[in-house]
Amino acid sequence: MSTEYQSTTGSQAKTVAVIDGTNPRRSKAELRADAMTARTELARTLDAIEYKLNLPRQLRYRARLLNLRLYRLGEDNPAALAGIAVAAALVAGAAVWLGVKTVQDR
């Protein structure tokens, strides 16, 4: 009985044939290469998990991305950037006004 398993490593895919439950004979070099590939894949996976769980790093990345997008918007369409700035100022002003009004009413 012959069974084939497909293993995906990064951008490479390889098929390993298993005949009667035993693996084909492989050289030490092939085994070392597979071990190195597995270590590299594990390191990438751990880096990705760390990146996802590191909230301060995520916030810094998002802030830089926002700055870059606003800079590009300012270069491409300064009027749109000015409109966004005016809208943000109005929202901030309204929030402050509502806060002051709420404190005065108490």
N, C-alpha and C. Protein backbone atom coordinates (compact mmCIF):
# COMPACT_ATOMS: atom_id res chain seq x y z
N MET A 1 0.85 -1.17 0.00
CA MET A 1 0.00 0.00 0.00
C MET A 1 0.89 1.23 0.00
N SER A 2 0.62 2.15 -0.89
CA SER A 2 1.43 3.35 -1.00
C SER A 2 0.57 4.57 -0.71
N THR A 3 1.06 5.47 0.13
CA THR A 3 0.35 6.69 0.48
C THR A 3 1.29 7.86 0.25
N GLU A 4 0.75 8.96 -0.25
CA GLU A 4 1.56 10.14 -0.46
C GLU A 4 1.06 11.26 0.44
N TYR A 5 2.00 11.96 1.04
CA TYR A 5 1.68 13.12 1.86
C TYR A 5 2.33 14.32 1.22
N GLN A 6 1.61 15.44 1.23
CA GLN A 6 2.17 16.66 0.67
C GLN A 6 2.51 17.60 1.82
N SER A 7 3.72 18.07 1.84
CA SER A 7 4.20 18.98 2.88
C SER A 7 4.53 20.30 2.23
N THR A 8 4.05 21.40 2.82
CA THR A 8 4.34 22.73 2.29
C THR A 8 5.29 23.43 3.24
N THR A 9 6.41 23.88 2.71
CA THR A 9 7.40 24.59 3.48
C THR A 9 7.67 25.91 2.78
N GLY A 10 7.15 27.01 3.37
CA GLY A 10 7.34 28.30 2.73
C GLY A 10 6.67 28.31 1.37
N SER A 11 7.45 28.58 0.33
CA SER A 11 6.90 28.61 -1.02
C SER A 11 7.15 27.29 -1.75
N GLN A 12 7.77 26.33 -1.07
CA GLN A 12 8.08 25.05 -1.70
C GLN A 12 7.11 23.99 -1.22
N ALA A 13 6.73 23.10 -2.09
CA ALA A 13 5.89 21.97 -1.72
C ALA A 13 6.59 20.70 -2.17
N LYS A 14 6.59 19.71 -1.30
CA LYS A 14 7.21 18.46 -1.69
C LYS A 14 6.30 17.32 -1.27
N THR A 15 6.33 16.27 -2.04
CA THR A 15 5.52 15.10 -1.76
C THR A 15 6.44 13.98 -1.31
N VAL A 16 6.09 13.37 -0.18
CA VAL A 16 6.87 12.27 0.36
C VAL A 16 6.02 11.02 0.26
N ALA A 17 6.55 10.01 -0.37
CA ALA A 17 5.83 8.75 -0.51
C ALA A 17 6.14 7.87 0.69
N VAL A 18 5.10 7.31 1.27
CA VAL A 18 5.27 6.38 2.38
C VAL A 18 4.76 5.04 1.90
N ILE A 19 5.65 4.06 1.90
CA ILE A 19 5.31 2.74 1.40
C ILE A 19 5.24 1.80 2.59
N ASP A 20 4.09 1.20 2.79
CA ASP A 20 3.88 0.25 3.88
C ASP A 20 4.28 0.82 5.24
N GLY A 21 4.02 2.10 5.47
CA GLY A 21 4.27 2.70 6.78
C GLY A 21 5.71 3.05 7.07
N THR A 22 6.62 2.89 6.14
CA THR A 22 8.02 3.23 6.39
C THR A 22 8.42 4.37 5.47
N ASN A 23 9.26 5.25 5.99
CA ASN A 23 9.77 6.36 5.18
C ASN A 23 10.90 5.87 4.29
N PRO A 24 11.05 6.45 3.12
CA PRO A 24 12.18 6.08 2.26
C PRO A 24 13.49 6.50 2.94
N ARG A 25 14.57 5.81 2.61
CA ARG A 25 15.87 6.13 3.18
C ARG A 25 16.30 7.51 2.71
N ARG A 26 16.81 8.29 3.66
CA ARG A 26 17.26 9.64 3.32
C ARG A 26 18.65 9.85 3.88
N SER A 27 19.42 10.65 3.21
CA SER A 27 20.79 10.90 3.65
C SER A 27 20.80 11.87 4.83
N LYS A 28 21.94 11.92 5.50
CA LYS A 28 22.08 12.84 6.63
C LYS A 28 21.94 14.28 6.17
N ALA A 29 22.45 14.58 5.00
CA ALA A 29 22.36 15.94 4.47
C ALA A 29 20.90 16.34 4.26
N GLU A 30 20.10 15.42 3.73
CA GLU A 30 18.68 15.71 3.53
C GLU A 30 17.97 15.90 4.87
N LEU A 31 18.29 15.07 5.83
CA LEU A 31 17.68 15.20 7.15
C LEU A 31 18.08 16.52 7.81
N ARG A 32 19.35 16.90 7.67
CA ARG A 32 19.81 18.18 8.24
C ARG A 32 19.12 19.35 7.54
N ALA A 33 18.98 19.25 6.23
CA ALA A 33 18.30 20.32 5.48
C ALA A 33 16.84 20.43 5.93
N ASP A 34 16.18 19.29 6.12
CA ASP A 34 14.79 19.31 6.61
C ASP A 34 14.70 19.90 8.01
N ALA A 35 15.66 19.55 8.86
CA ALA A 35 15.67 20.10 10.22
C ALA A 35 15.88 21.61 10.19
N MET A 36 16.77 22.08 9.34
CA MET A 36 17.02 23.51 9.23
C MET A 36 15.78 24.24 8.71
N THR A 37 15.11 23.64 7.73
CA THR A 37 13.88 24.21 7.20
C THR A 37 12.81 24.29 8.28
N ALA A 38 12.69 23.23 9.07
CA ALA A 38 11.70 23.21 10.15
C ALA A 38 12.03 24.26 11.20
N ARG A 39 13.30 24.43 11.53
CA ARG A 39 13.69 25.46 12.50
C ARG A 39 13.37 26.85 11.98
N THR A 40 13.67 27.08 10.70
CA THR A 40 13.39 28.39 10.09
C THR A 40 11.88 28.67 10.10
N GLU A 41 11.10 27.67 9.75
CA GLU A 41 9.64 27.83 9.74
C GLU A 41 9.11 28.09 11.15
N LEU A 42 9.65 27.40 12.14
CA LEU A 42 9.26 27.61 13.53
C LEU A 42 9.62 29.02 13.98
N ALA A 43 10.81 29.48 13.61
CA ALA A 43 11.23 30.84 13.98
C ALA A 43 10.31 31.88 13.36
N ARG A 44 9.94 31.69 12.10
CA ARG A 44 9.01 32.62 11.44
C ARG A 44 7.65 32.62 12.13
N THR A 45 7.18 31.44 12.50
CA THR A 45 5.89 31.34 13.17
C THR A 45 5.93 32.04 14.51
N LEU A 46 6.99 31.83 15.28
CA LEU A 46 7.12 32.48 16.58
C LEU A 46 7.24 34.00 16.44
N ASP A 47 7.96 34.46 15.42
CA ASP A 47 8.05 35.90 15.17
C ASP A 47 6.68 36.49 14.84
N ALA A 48 5.91 35.77 14.04
CA ALA A 48 4.57 36.25 13.67
C ALA A 48 3.66 36.31 14.90
N ILE A 49 3.75 35.30 15.77
CA ILE A 49 2.94 35.31 16.98
C ILE A 49 3.35 36.46 17.89
N GLU A 50 4.66 36.66 18.04
CA GLU A 50 5.14 37.77 18.87
C GLU A 50 4.67 39.11 18.32
N TYR A 51 4.73 39.26 17.00
CA TYR A 51 4.31 40.51 16.37
C TYR A 51 2.83 40.76 16.62
N LYS A 52 2.00 39.72 16.51
CA LYS A 52 0.56 39.88 16.72
C LYS A 52 0.23 40.23 18.16
N LEU A 53 0.98 39.69 19.12
CA LEU A 53 0.66 39.90 20.53
C LEU A 53 1.33 41.12 21.14
N ASN A 54 2.25 41.75 20.43
CA ASN A 54 2.97 42.92 20.93
C ASN A 54 2.17 44.18 20.59
N LEU A 55 1.27 44.58 21.50
CA LEU A 55 0.37 45.70 21.22
C LEU A 55 1.09 47.05 21.05
N PRO A 56 2.09 47.39 21.88
CA PRO A 56 2.78 48.66 21.64
C PRO A 56 3.42 48.73 20.25
N ARG A 57 3.99 47.61 19.82
CA ARG A 57 4.60 47.57 18.49
C ARG A 57 3.54 47.74 17.41
N GLN A 58 2.38 47.09 17.60
CA GLN A 58 1.28 47.23 16.65
C GLN A 58 0.82 48.68 16.57
N LEU A 59 0.71 49.35 17.72
CA LEU A 59 0.27 50.75 17.73
C LEU A 59 1.29 51.65 17.04
N ARG A 60 2.59 51.42 17.29
CA ARG A 60 3.62 52.21 16.61
C ARG A 60 3.54 52.01 15.10
N TYR A 61 3.36 50.77 14.68
CA TYR A 61 3.26 50.47 13.25
C TYR A 61 2.05 51.18 12.64
N ARG A 62 0.89 51.08 13.31
CA ARG A 62 -0.32 51.72 12.78
C ARG A 62 -0.17 53.24 12.73
N ALA A 63 0.48 53.83 13.74
CA ALA A 63 0.68 55.28 13.76
C ALA A 63 1.58 55.71 12.60
N ARG A 64 2.66 54.95 12.37
CA ARG A 64 3.54 55.28 11.24
C ARG A 64 2.81 55.14 9.91
N LEU A 65 1.99 54.11 9.80
CA LEU A 65 1.22 53.91 8.58
C LEU A 65 0.25 55.06 8.35
N LEU A 66 -0.43 55.51 9.40
CA LEU A 66 -1.35 56.64 9.30
C LEU A 66 -0.60 57.91 8.89
N ASN A 67 0.56 58.14 9.51
CA ASN A 67 1.36 59.31 9.15
C ASN A 67 1.77 59.27 7.69
N LEU A 68 2.19 58.11 7.23
CA LEU A 68 2.60 57.99 5.83
C LEU A 68 1.42 58.24 4.89
N ARG A 69 0.26 57.69 5.22
CA ARG A 69 -0.91 57.89 4.37
C ARG A 69 -1.36 59.35 4.35
N LEU A 70 -1.30 60.01 5.51
CA LEU A 70 -1.67 61.43 5.55
C LEU A 70 -0.66 62.27 4.77
N TYR A 71 0.62 61.93 4.88
CA TYR A 71 1.64 62.65 4.12
C TYR A 71 1.39 62.50 2.62
N ARG A 72 1.12 61.27 2.20
CA ARG A 72 0.85 61.04 0.77
C ARG A 72 -0.41 61.77 0.32
N LEU A 73 -1.42 61.78 1.18
CA LEU A 73 -2.66 62.51 0.84
C LEU A 73 -2.36 63.99 0.70
N GLY A 74 -1.53 64.53 1.60
CA GLY A 74 -1.15 65.95 1.51
C GLY A 74 -0.39 66.26 0.24
N GLU A 75 0.44 65.32 -0.19
CA GLU A 75 1.18 65.51 -1.44
C GLU A 75 0.25 65.43 -2.66
N ASP A 76 -0.67 64.47 -2.64
CA ASP A 76 -1.55 64.25 -3.79
C ASP A 76 -2.73 65.21 -3.83
N ASN A 77 -3.33 65.50 -2.67
CA ASN A 77 -4.54 66.31 -2.63
C ASN A 77 -4.56 67.14 -1.34
N PRO A 78 -3.90 68.30 -1.34
CA PRO A 78 -3.81 69.12 -0.13
C PRO A 78 -5.18 69.59 0.38
N ALA A 79 -6.13 69.81 -0.52
CA ALA A 79 -7.45 70.27 -0.10
C ALA A 79 -8.16 69.20 0.74
N ALA A 80 -8.01 67.95 0.36
CA ALA A 80 -8.63 66.87 1.13
C ALA A 80 -8.01 66.77 2.51
N LEU A 81 -6.70 66.93 2.59
CA LEU A 81 -6.02 66.89 3.88
C LEU A 81 -6.47 68.06 4.75
N ALA A 82 -6.63 69.24 4.16
CA ALA A 82 -7.12 70.40 4.92
C ALA A 82 -8.54 70.15 5.42
N GLY A 83 -9.37 69.54 4.60
CA GLY A 83 -10.73 69.21 5.02
C GLY A 83 -10.75 68.24 6.19
N ILE A 84 -9.86 67.26 6.15
CA ILE A 84 -9.76 66.29 7.25
C ILE A 84 -9.30 67.00 8.52
N ALA A 85 -8.34 67.90 8.40
CA ALA A 85 -7.84 68.63 9.56
C ALA A 85 -8.94 69.51 10.17
N VAL A 86 -9.71 70.17 9.33
CA VAL A 86 -10.81 71.02 9.82
C VAL A 86 -11.87 70.16 10.52
N ALA A 87 -12.21 69.02 9.92
CA ALA A 87 -13.21 68.14 10.53
C ALA A 87 -12.72 67.61 11.88
N ALA A 88 -11.44 67.25 11.97
CA ALA A 88 -10.89 66.76 13.23
C ALA A 88 -10.91 67.87 14.28
N ALA A 89 -10.60 69.09 13.88
CA ALA A 89 -10.64 70.22 14.82
C ALA A 89 -12.06 70.47 15.30
N LEU A 90 -13.05 70.37 14.41
CA LEU A 90 -14.45 70.55 14.81
C LEU A 90 -14.90 69.47 15.79
N VAL A 91 -14.52 68.24 15.53
CA VAL A 91 -14.90 67.15 16.43
C VAL A 91 -14.25 67.34 17.80
N ALA A 92 -12.97 67.71 17.82
CA ALA A 92 -12.29 67.94 19.10
C ALA A 92 -12.92 69.12 19.84
N GLY A 93 -13.22 70.18 19.11
CA GLY A 93 -13.86 71.34 19.73
C GLY A 93 -15.23 71.01 20.30
N ALA A 94 -16.01 70.23 19.56
CA ALA A 94 -17.34 69.83 20.03
C ALA A 94 -17.23 68.96 21.28
N ALA A 95 -16.24 68.07 21.32
CA ALA A 95 -16.05 67.21 22.49
C ALA A 95 -15.69 68.05 23.71
N VAL A 96 -14.80 69.02 23.54
CA VAL A 96 -14.44 69.90 24.65
C VAL A 96 -15.64 70.72 25.09
N TRP A 97 -16.38 71.27 24.15
CA TRP A 97 -17.56 72.08 24.47
C TRP A 97 -18.58 71.25 25.25
N LEU A 98 -18.85 70.01 24.79
CA LEU A 98 -19.80 69.15 25.50
C LEU A 98 -19.31 68.82 26.91
N GLY A 99 -18.01 68.59 27.04
CA GLY A 99 -17.45 68.31 28.36
C GLY A 99 -17.61 69.50 29.31
N VAL A 100 -17.32 70.69 28.82
CA VAL A 100 -17.46 71.90 29.64
C VAL A 100 -18.93 72.12 29.99
N LYS A 101 -19.80 71.96 29.02
CA LYS A 101 -21.23 72.16 29.23
C LYS A 101 -21.78 71.18 30.27
N THR A 102 -21.30 69.93 30.23
CA THR A 102 -21.75 68.90 31.18
C THR A 102 -21.28 69.25 32.59
N VAL A 103 -20.05 69.73 32.73
CA VAL A 103 -19.53 70.11 34.04
C VAL A 103 -20.30 71.33 34.58
N GLN A 104 -20.62 72.29 33.74
CA GLN A 104 -21.35 73.48 34.18
C GLN A 104 -22.77 73.15 34.62
N ASP A 105 -23.40 72.18 34.00
CA ASP A 105 -24.79 71.83 34.31
C ASP A 105 -24.91 71.12 35.65
N ARG A 106 -23.87 70.58 36.17
CA ARG A 106 -23.94 69.86 37.45
C ARG A 106 -24.04 70.76 38.58
